[in-house]
Amino acid sequence: QVQLVESGGGLVQPGGSLRLSCAASGFTFSTYAMYWYRQAPGKERELVAAIASAGGNTNYADSVKGRFTISRDNAKNTVYLQMNSLKPEDTAVYYCRVVVTSSYWGRGTQVTVSS
């Protein structure tokens, strides 16, 4: 079965960096686009970044452009989200997602940006 497991979240000061990972299994990872979403308290879940199956095409929410980088390692079945220049408004639970006939989500990893 499809499984997505996020890791790498934590508490970081404003201006700091974190690297999130999402380990995937149960499907042919290299043939599917992958997505990072986030959900802040009291807000709807929003798309943060997306990456095509081969990794060549990426897209970002305007709020993270220039600060976040999505990447993937198809040999390791893992997608990453490098987050730099973090702001308090980046505080959220971050989820990865894949659509393989159905939509699958991981359980999320908490990112808290606070001094």
Protein backbone atom coordinates (compact mmCIF):
# COMPACT_ATOMS: atom_id res chain seq x y z
CA GLN A 1 0.00 0.00 0.00
CA VAL A 2 1.06 3.60 -0.56
CA GLN A 3 2.87 5.09 2.40
CA LEU A 4 4.33 8.56 2.85
CA VAL A 5 6.37 9.39 5.93
CA GLU A 6 7.50 12.96 6.56
CA SER A 7 10.38 13.93 8.83
CA GLY A 8 12.68 16.83 9.57
CA GLY A 9 10.32 19.28 11.23
CA GLY A 10 11.08 21.11 14.43
CA LEU A 11 11.46 24.44 16.15
CA VAL A 12 13.61 27.03 14.40
CA GLN A 13 14.25 30.73 14.88
CA PRO A 14 13.17 33.25 12.24
CA GLY A 15 15.73 33.35 9.46
CA GLY A 16 16.71 29.75 10.05
CA SER A 17 16.54 26.72 7.82
CA LEU A 18 15.05 23.24 7.87
CA ARG A 19 15.07 20.36 5.43
CA LEU A 20 11.99 18.18 5.31
CA SER A 21 12.01 14.67 3.87
CA CYS A 22 9.18 12.46 2.70
CA ALA A 23 9.98 8.77 2.28
CA ALA A 24 7.62 7.02 -0.11
CA SER A 25 6.77 3.37 -0.64
CA GLY A 26 4.11 1.19 -2.22
CA PHE A 27 4.18 2.71 -5.69
CA THR A 28 6.63 3.42 -8.51
CA PHE A 29 7.95 6.66 -7.08
CA SER A 30 9.87 7.79 -10.15
CA THR A 31 6.74 7.99 -12.30
CA TYR A 32 4.64 10.34 -10.16
CA ALA A 33 4.70 14.02 -9.38
CA MET A 34 5.04 14.82 -5.69
CA TYR A 35 3.64 17.68 -3.64
CA TRP A 36 4.31 19.46 -0.35
CA TYR A 37 1.38 21.11 1.41
CA ARG A 38 1.07 22.87 4.72
CA GLN A 39 -1.72 23.68 7.14
CA ALA A 40 -1.46 26.37 9.77
CA PRO A 41 -3.80 26.47 12.78
CA GLY A 42 -7.22 27.74 11.76
CA LYS A 43 -6.33 27.83 8.08
CA GLU A 44 -6.98 25.62 5.09
CA ARG A 45 -4.33 23.28 3.78
CA GLU A 46 -2.37 24.96 0.98
CA LEU A 47 -0.03 23.78 -1.74
CA VAL A 48 3.55 24.85 -1.07
CA ALA A 49 5.55 23.16 -3.83
CA ALA A 50 5.31 20.53 -6.53
CA ILE A 51 7.84 18.57 -8.52
CA ALA A 52 7.42 16.53 -11.68
CA SER A 53 8.28 12.84 -11.79
CA ALA A 54 11.71 13.37 -13.35
CA GLY A 55 12.38 16.40 -11.18
CA GLY A 56 12.84 18.86 -14.02
CA ASN A 57 9.73 20.96 -13.44
CA THR A 58 8.92 22.58 -10.13
CA ASN A 59 6.27 25.02 -8.93
CA TYR A 60 5.97 27.07 -5.76
CA ALA A 61 3.43 29.11 -3.89
CA ASP A 62 4.18 32.81 -4.19
CA SER A 63 4.68 33.01 -0.44
CA VAL A 64 7.70 30.67 -0.54
CA LYS A 65 9.30 31.46 -3.89
CA GLY A 66 12.99 32.17 -3.53
CA ARG A 67 13.10 30.65 -0.03
CA PHE A 68 11.99 27.04 -0.46
CA THR A 69 13.34 24.40 -2.84
CA ILE A 70 11.66 21.11 -3.63
CA SER A 71 13.78 18.24 -4.91
CA ARG A 72 13.64 14.48 -5.20
CA ASP A 73 15.92 11.48 -5.23
CA ASN A 74 14.22 8.77 -7.27
CA ALA A 75 16.87 6.24 -6.24
CA LYS A 76 15.89 6.77 -2.59
CA ASN A 77 12.14 7.20 -3.17
CA THR A 78 12.34 10.46 -1.27
CA VAL A 79 11.17 14.01 -1.87
CA TYR A 80 12.67 16.94 0.01
CA LEU A 81 11.72 20.47 0.91
CA GLN A 82 14.62 22.76 1.75
CA MET A 83 13.27 25.76 3.64
CA ASN A 84 15.49 28.81 4.11
CA SER A 85 14.87 32.27 5.56
CA LEU A 86 12.00 30.89 7.57
CA LYS A 87 9.36 33.27 8.88
CA PRO A 88 6.85 32.89 11.72
CA GLU A 89 4.09 32.64 9.13
CA ASP A 90 5.71 29.45 7.82
CA THR A 91 4.63 27.73 11.04
CA ALA A 92 2.39 24.83 10.07
CA VAL A 93 2.14 21.10 9.74
CA TYR A 94 3.79 20.10 6.47
CA TYR A 95 2.46 17.17 4.47
CA CYS A 96 3.56 15.39 1.35
CA ARG A 97 1.07 14.08 -1.13
CA VAL A 98 0.92 11.83 -4.18
CA VAL A 99 -1.96 10.99 -6.48
CA VAL A 100 -1.83 7.35 -7.48
CA THR A 101 -5.38 6.66 -8.73
CA SER A 102 -6.35 8.13 -5.35
CA SER A 103 -4.83 10.91 -3.29
CA TYR A 104 -2.47 9.83 -0.51
CA TRP A 105 -1.12 11.95 2.32
CA GLY A 106 1.48 11.47 4.97
CA ARG A 107 0.80 12.22 8.63
CA GLY A 108 2.73 15.45 8.50
CA THR A 109 5.63 17.02 10.35
CA GLN A 110 5.33 20.12 12.52
CA VAL A 111 7.40 23.18 11.67
CA THR A 112 7.42 25.99 14.20
CA VAL A 113 9.23 29.24 13.49
CA SER A 114 9.57 31.30 16.64
CA SER A 115 12.12 33.20 18.65
